[in-house]
Amino acid sequence: MQPFNYLMSPAGMVWVISCLPIGFVLTALGYYIINRIPAKWLCDYGETPSEQLLSGKRVKYLPSGIAVSILVSVCLALCRLQFNKGYDIYFCVLALILFDCLLITIADIKYQIIPDQFTIILGILAAALSIYDIVRGYNIFHASWWSPLAGAGIGAVSMILIDLIGMVVYKRDGMGFGDVKLFFAGGILAGFPGAIVVFLIAVVVATLFFAAIIITSKIAYGRKAEHIQTEMSEADEENTAVAENTDAPETEDGSDGSADTTAENEADSDEQTDDETVGFGSYLAFGPYLAAALAVYIVLFDLVKFLVQLYFNLFNF
């Protein structure tokens, strides 16, 4: 059944409306799981967990959880519209995959690590749905038996190549191995050419995110600079007034120079703090973008498939 026709049906309306509370429950459950999983899951191999990890107080649901819950609800509703009547198994498994992508995103954003356990779950779900898709002859995600293998290979190789490029150009890892394993698992579901599409979506999402970071950082820095300049001007006026009413030796600008030095030091300190603030937290591993791209590929599957086919038709493929 087409998504619009399904939405207009009684069953479709019930399902779409039900996705709202389901999204809130799953998001709250995701935050709970991140706070309750063993601390070593969120550490590199051989790393000792910090006190904060051991405390179990890692992420708070409020206030970010509200926005995340709404986003998850929308994704579930779109997923149901794509895989509706007659495709209940698809929807259930894909909903679990979306939930797993949420866990991966939270862990990677907060701790820059993707727990292997989450990746293994993603791989099992992707493999199970791929086998079901091929054996039952639906061929929604895979047109042939080798498609999941090709997708997994494309996912892993692309991440390894980026890592090698980073090592050659920047003399450091360009991609964490957790991202390699994540895209390997996600590539099983996406298949070929879906894995290529997921990678392109991830690049676009990452580019838009970092563009937003740069723009907002410049705006924040500009406002901070204006504030510093205003404080320095006010300090100069106060110093001049004090100098006129005291016998302290004056500098060339008519003030005793001590307050000016203090104001300049405060300005330098503020600028340094601002630079550190802009830089801190601006780095994110590629995992969240891969998870987001896989989610987009799932919830907008019909649209993505149509655009890919339209592109291939331009070259008579």
Protein backbone atom coordinates (compact mmCIF):
# COMPACT_ATOMS: atom_id res chain seq x y z
CA MET A 1 0.00 0.00 0.00
CA GLN A 2 1.30 3.46 -0.90
CA PRO A 3 2.36 5.65 2.07
CA PHE A 4 -0.27 8.34 1.44
CA ASN A 5 -3.10 5.83 1.00
CA TYR A 6 -1.98 4.01 4.13
CA LEU A 7 -1.92 7.28 6.08
CA MET A 8 -5.51 7.97 5.08
CA SER A 9 -6.68 4.55 6.26
CA PRO A 10 -7.88 4.03 9.88
CA ALA A 11 -5.09 1.56 10.61
CA GLY A 12 -2.50 3.95 9.19
CA MET A 13 -3.71 6.85 11.31
CA VAL A 14 -3.63 4.71 14.43
CA TRP A 15 -0.10 3.53 13.71
CA VAL A 16 1.26 6.99 12.93
CA ILE A 17 -0.31 8.48 16.06
CA SER A 18 1.01 5.55 18.12
CA CYS A 19 4.54 6.33 16.97
CA LEU A 20 4.56 9.46 19.16
CA PRO A 21 4.38 7.70 22.56
CA ILE A 22 6.51 4.83 21.22
CA GLY A 23 9.22 7.31 20.24
CA PHE A 24 9.21 8.89 23.71
CA VAL A 25 9.36 5.48 25.41
CA LEU A 26 12.21 4.25 23.21
CA THR A 27 14.21 7.46 23.71
CA ALA A 28 13.79 7.32 27.48
CA LEU A 29 14.79 3.65 27.37
CA GLY A 30 17.85 4.56 25.28
CA TYR A 31 19.02 7.12 27.84
CA TYR A 32 18.39 4.59 30.60
CA ILE A 33 20.45 1.93 28.80
CA ILE A 34 23.39 4.30 28.27
CA ASN A 35 23.36 5.08 32.00
CA ARG A 36 23.15 1.42 32.99
CA ILE A 37 25.44 -0.47 30.62
CA PRO A 38 28.83 -1.55 32.03
CA ALA A 39 31.30 1.33 32.14
CA LYS A 40 33.91 -0.65 30.21
CA TRP A 41 31.59 -0.68 27.19
CA LEU A 42 32.20 3.06 26.88
CA CYS A 43 36.00 2.84 27.18
CA ASP A 44 38.75 1.95 24.74
CA TYR A 45 40.31 -1.46 25.08
CA GLY A 46 42.38 -1.63 28.26
CA GLU A 47 41.26 1.82 29.45
CA THR A 48 40.22 2.25 33.08
CA PRO A 49 36.69 3.69 33.44
CA SER A 50 36.48 7.16 34.99
CA GLU A 51 34.55 7.94 38.15
CA GLN A 52 31.86 9.62 36.09
CA LEU A 53 31.36 6.47 34.02
CA LEU A 54 31.28 4.27 37.11
CA SER A 55 28.73 6.53 38.80
CA GLY A 56 26.11 5.69 36.18
CA LYS A 57 25.19 9.38 35.78
CA ARG A 58 26.23 9.80 32.16
CA VAL A 59 23.44 11.43 30.21
CA LYS A 60 20.36 13.35 31.34
CA TYR A 61 17.07 12.99 29.54
CA LEU A 62 16.11 16.63 30.04
CA PRO A 63 16.23 18.90 28.18
CA SER A 64 17.76 17.28 25.07
CA GLY A 65 15.65 14.14 25.41
CA ILE A 66 12.45 15.95 24.44
CA ALA A 67 13.81 17.00 21.04
CA VAL A 68 15.37 13.57 20.51
CA SER A 69 12.07 11.87 21.41
CA ILE A 70 10.19 13.94 18.85
CA LEU A 71 12.81 13.13 16.21
CA VAL A 72 12.62 9.41 16.98
CA SER A 73 8.81 9.53 16.82
CA VAL A 74 8.94 11.18 13.40
CA CYS A 75 11.44 8.59 12.17
CA LEU A 76 9.22 5.74 13.38
CA ALA A 77 6.16 7.28 11.72
CA LEU A 78 8.00 7.71 8.41
CA CYS A 79 9.34 4.17 8.68
CA ARG A 80 5.82 2.83 9.19
CA LEU A 81 4.59 4.77 6.17
CA GLN A 82 7.37 3.24 4.06
CA PHE A 83 6.85 -0.30 5.37
CA ASN A 84 3.16 -0.53 6.16
CA LYS A 85 0.47 -3.15 5.54
CA GLY A 86 1.98 -6.53 4.72
CA TYR A 87 5.48 -5.48 5.83
CA ASP A 88 5.10 -5.64 9.60
CA ILE A 89 8.25 -7.71 10.03
CA TYR A 90 10.23 -5.09 8.11
CA PHE A 91 8.86 -2.31 10.30
CA CYS A 92 9.57 -4.13 13.58
CA VAL A 93 13.16 -4.99 12.67
CA LEU A 94 13.84 -1.55 11.19
CA ALA A 95 12.43 0.09 14.33
CA LEU A 96 14.93 -1.91 16.38
CA ILE A 97 17.70 -0.84 14.01
CA LEU A 98 16.68 2.81 14.43
CA PHE A 99 16.74 2.33 18.20
CA ASP A 100 20.20 0.80 18.00
CA CYS A 101 21.36 3.75 15.87
CA LEU A 102 20.11 6.04 18.64
CA LEU A 103 22.22 4.20 21.22
CA ILE A 104 25.26 4.36 18.94
CA THR A 105 24.79 8.08 18.36
CA ILE A 106 24.46 8.90 22.07
CA ALA A 107 27.53 6.84 22.98
CA ASP A 108 29.68 8.25 20.16
CA ILE A 109 28.69 11.87 20.78
CA LYS A 110 29.23 11.62 24.54
CA TYR A 111 32.30 9.38 24.70
CA GLN A 112 33.64 9.17 21.12
CA ILE A 113 33.29 5.39 21.16
CA ILE A 114 30.92 2.89 19.60
CA PRO A 115 30.40 -0.13 21.88
CA ASP A 116 31.00 -3.37 20.00
CA GLN A 117 27.84 -4.78 21.55
CA PHE A 118 25.70 -2.19 19.75
CA THR A 119 27.48 -2.85 16.47
CA ILE A 120 27.00 -6.61 16.82
CA ILE A 121 23.27 -6.09 17.44
CA LEU A 122 23.06 -3.90 14.34
CA GLY A 123 24.86 -6.53 12.27
CA ILE A 124 22.59 -9.35 13.49
CA LEU A 125 19.42 -7.36 12.78
CA ALA A 126 20.71 -6.26 9.37
CA ALA A 127 21.73 -9.81 8.41
CA ALA A 128 18.41 -11.29 9.59
CA LEU A 129 16.33 -8.78 7.64
CA SER A 130 18.54 -9.17 4.56
CA ILE A 131 18.15 -12.94 4.60
CA TYR A 132 14.40 -12.59 5.04
CA ASP A 133 14.28 -10.05 2.20
CA ILE A 134 16.13 -12.38 -0.19
CA VAL A 135 14.60 -15.72 0.82
CA ARG A 136 11.01 -14.45 0.74
CA GLY A 137 11.66 -12.85 -2.65
CA TYR A 138 10.59 -9.33 -1.67
CA ASN A 139 13.94 -7.92 -2.81
CA ILE A 140 13.24 -4.54 -1.26
CA PHE A 141 16.77 -3.93 -0.03
CA HIS A 142 18.63 -6.52 -2.08
CA ALA A 143 18.19 -7.54 -5.69
CA SER A 144 20.62 -10.47 -5.41
CA TRP A 145 22.29 -12.67 -2.80
CA TRP A 146 25.63 -10.90 -3.07
CA SER A 147 24.19 -7.43 -2.37
CA PRO A 148 24.58 -7.63 1.46
CA LEU A 149 28.16 -8.83 1.07
CA ALA A 150 28.96 -6.03 -1.37
CA GLY A 151 27.36 -3.45 0.94
CA ALA A 152 29.34 -4.65 3.94
CA GLY A 153 32.55 -4.63 1.90
CA ILE A 154 31.92 -1.14 0.56
CA GLY A 155 31.21 0.13 4.07
CA ALA A 156 34.35 -1.32 5.64
CA VAL A 157 36.69 -0.49 2.75
CA SER A 158 35.51 3.13 2.49
CA MET A 159 36.21 3.72 6.18
CA ILE A 160 39.61 2.01 5.97
CA LEU A 161 40.56 4.15 2.97
CA ILE A 162 39.63 7.33 4.83
CA ASP A 163 41.76 6.14 7.75
CA LEU A 164 44.72 5.49 5.47
CA ILE A 165 44.36 8.91 3.83
CA GLY A 166 44.32 10.52 7.27
CA MET A 167 47.48 8.64 8.27
CA VAL A 168 49.30 9.68 5.09
CA VAL A 169 48.21 13.32 4.96
CA TYR A 170 47.81 14.25 8.62
CA LYS A 171 50.01 11.58 10.23
CA ARG A 172 47.10 10.48 12.42
CA ASP A 173 44.12 8.16 12.25
CA GLY A 174 41.50 9.54 9.91
CA MET A 175 38.76 7.19 11.08
CA GLY A 176 38.25 5.11 14.19
CA PHE A 177 37.97 1.36 13.81
CA GLY A 178 34.58 1.53 15.49
CA ASP A 179 33.34 3.43 12.43
CA VAL A 180 34.70 0.67 10.20
CA LYS A 181 32.75 -1.96 12.11
CA LEU A 182 29.65 0.21 12.21
CA PHE A 183 29.57 0.78 8.45
CA PHE A 184 30.32 -2.89 7.85
CA ALA A 185 27.20 -3.80 9.85
CA GLY A 186 25.09 -1.05 8.29
CA GLY A 187 26.31 -1.98 4.83
CA ILE A 188 24.78 -5.44 5.23
CA LEU A 189 21.33 -3.86 5.28
CA ALA A 190 22.00 -1.13 2.71
CA GLY A 191 23.59 -3.53 0.22
CA PHE A 192 24.67 -2.36 -3.20
CA PRO A 193 24.33 0.42 -4.28
CA GLY A 194 22.66 1.39 -1.01
CA ALA A 195 25.93 1.49 0.93
CA ILE A 196 27.28 4.12 -1.47
CA VAL A 197 24.11 6.16 -0.98
CA VAL A 198 24.40 5.90 2.81
CA PHE A 199 28.01 7.09 2.64
CA LEU A 200 27.05 10.09 0.50
CA ILE A 201 24.22 10.97 2.89
CA ALA A 202 26.64 10.74 5.83
CA VAL A 203 29.07 13.11 4.09
CA VAL A 204 26.28 15.61 3.40
CA VAL A 205 25.01 15.43 7.00
CA ALA A 206 28.54 15.89 8.39
CA THR A 207 29.21 18.82 6.04
CA LEU A 208 26.00 20.59 7.04
CA PHE A 209 26.73 20.00 10.72
CA PHE A 210 30.25 21.41 10.59
CA ALA A 211 29.10 24.33 8.46
CA ALA A 212 26.57 25.16 11.18
CA ILE A 213 29.30 24.83 13.82
CA ILE A 214 31.57 27.24 11.93
CA ILE A 215 28.81 29.79 11.37
CA THR A 216 27.56 29.73 14.96
CA SER A 217 31.13 29.83 16.31
CA LYS A 218 31.93 32.93 14.27
CA ILE A 219 28.73 34.62 15.41
CA ALA A 220 29.47 33.76 19.04
CA TYR A 221 33.08 34.93 18.68
CA GLY A 222 31.96 38.21 17.10
CA ARG A 223 29.55 38.90 19.92
CA LYS A 224 32.25 38.06 22.46
CA ALA A 225 34.71 40.41 20.76
CA GLU A 226 32.16 43.25 20.83
CA HIS A 227 31.57 42.61 24.53
CA ILE A 228 35.30 42.69 25.25
CA GLN A 229 35.72 45.91 23.29
CA THR A 230 32.88 47.53 25.23
CA GLU A 231 34.41 46.48 28.56
CA MET A 232 37.80 47.86 27.53
CA SER A 233 36.25 51.18 26.53
CA GLU A 234 34.43 51.45 29.83
CA ALA A 235 37.63 50.57 31.69
CA ASP A 236 39.53 53.30 29.81
CA GLU A 237 36.92 55.88 30.76
CA GLU A 238 37.03 54.86 34.41
CA ASN A 239 40.82 54.93 34.45
CA THR A 240 40.90 58.38 32.91
CA ALA A 241 38.46 59.68 35.52
CA VAL A 242 40.51 58.17 38.35
CA ALA A 243 43.75 59.59 36.94
CA GLU A 244 42.33 63.11 36.83
CA ASN A 245 41.49 62.96 40.54
CA THR A 246 44.73 61.43 41.82
CA ASP A 247 48.38 62.40 41.94
CA ALA A 248 49.50 59.11 40.45
CA PRO A 249 52.02 59.41 37.61
CA GLU A 250 50.28 59.42 34.32
CA THR A 251 51.11 57.52 31.20
CA GLU A 252 50.94 58.94 27.69
CA ASP A 253 47.18 58.36 27.47
CA GLY A 254 46.51 60.15 30.76
CA SER A 255 45.93 57.13 33.00
CA ASP A 256 48.15 55.38 35.52
CA GLY A 257 48.30 52.31 33.28
CA SER A 258 47.57 49.72 35.96
CA ALA A 259 43.86 49.39 35.23
CA ASP A 260 44.52 49.38 31.49
CA THR A 261 46.91 46.50 31.96
CA THR A 262 44.31 44.67 34.00
CA ALA A 263 41.64 45.27 31.36
CA GLU A 264 43.99 44.08 28.61
CA ASN A 265 44.89 40.98 30.61
CA GLU A 266 41.19 40.26 31.16
CA ALA A 267 40.53 40.73 27.47
CA ASP A 268 43.39 38.39 26.53
CA SER A 269 42.09 35.86 29.05
CA ASP A 270 38.57 36.16 27.66
CA GLU A 271 39.83 35.74 24.10
CA GLN A 272 41.81 32.68 25.09
CA THR A 273 38.83 31.21 26.91
CA ASP A 274 36.63 31.95 23.92
CA ASP A 275 39.02 30.19 21.56
CA GLU A 276 39.08 27.19 23.85
CA THR A 277 35.29 27.21 24.06
CA VAL A 278 34.93 27.29 20.30
CA GLY A 279 37.33 24.42 19.85
CA PHE A 280 36.05 22.29 22.69
CA GLY A 281 33.40 19.83 21.68
CA SER A 282 33.59 20.70 17.98
CA TYR A 283 35.04 17.29 17.15
CA LEU A 284 32.76 14.35 16.63
CA ALA A 285 33.58 10.91 15.30
CA PHE A 286 31.99 9.87 12.03
CA GLY A 287 29.76 7.32 13.77
CA PRO A 288 26.82 9.66 14.49
CA TYR A 289 26.73 10.73 10.84
CA LEU A 290 26.78 7.12 9.65
CA ALA A 291 23.97 6.26 12.06
CA ALA A 292 21.99 9.32 10.94
CA ALA A 293 22.58 8.47 7.29
CA LEU A 294 21.38 4.91 7.80
CA ALA A 295 18.28 6.24 9.56
CA VAL A 296 17.58 8.64 6.66
CA TYR A 297 18.05 5.79 4.20
CA ILE A 298 15.46 3.73 6.11
CA VAL A 299 12.78 6.33 6.84
CA LEU A 300 12.96 7.89 3.36
CA PHE A 301 13.61 4.65 1.55
CA ASP A 302 11.10 5.13 -1.28
CA LEU A 303 12.31 8.67 -1.98
CA VAL A 304 15.99 7.69 -1.88
CA LYS A 305 15.35 4.69 -4.14
CA PHE A 306 13.47 6.90 -6.60
CA LEU A 307 16.27 9.48 -6.72
CA VAL A 308 18.92 6.80 -7.21
CA GLN A 309 16.96 5.22 -10.05
CA LEU A 310 16.41 8.65 -11.59
CA TYR A 311 20.17 9.24 -11.49
CA PHE A 312 20.93 5.89 -13.11
CA ASN A 313 18.37 6.59 -15.82
CA LEU A 314 20.38 9.63 -16.84
CA PHE A 315 23.13 7.26 -17.91
CA ASN A 316 20.80 4.57 -19.24
CA PHE A 317 21.78 2.07 -16.55
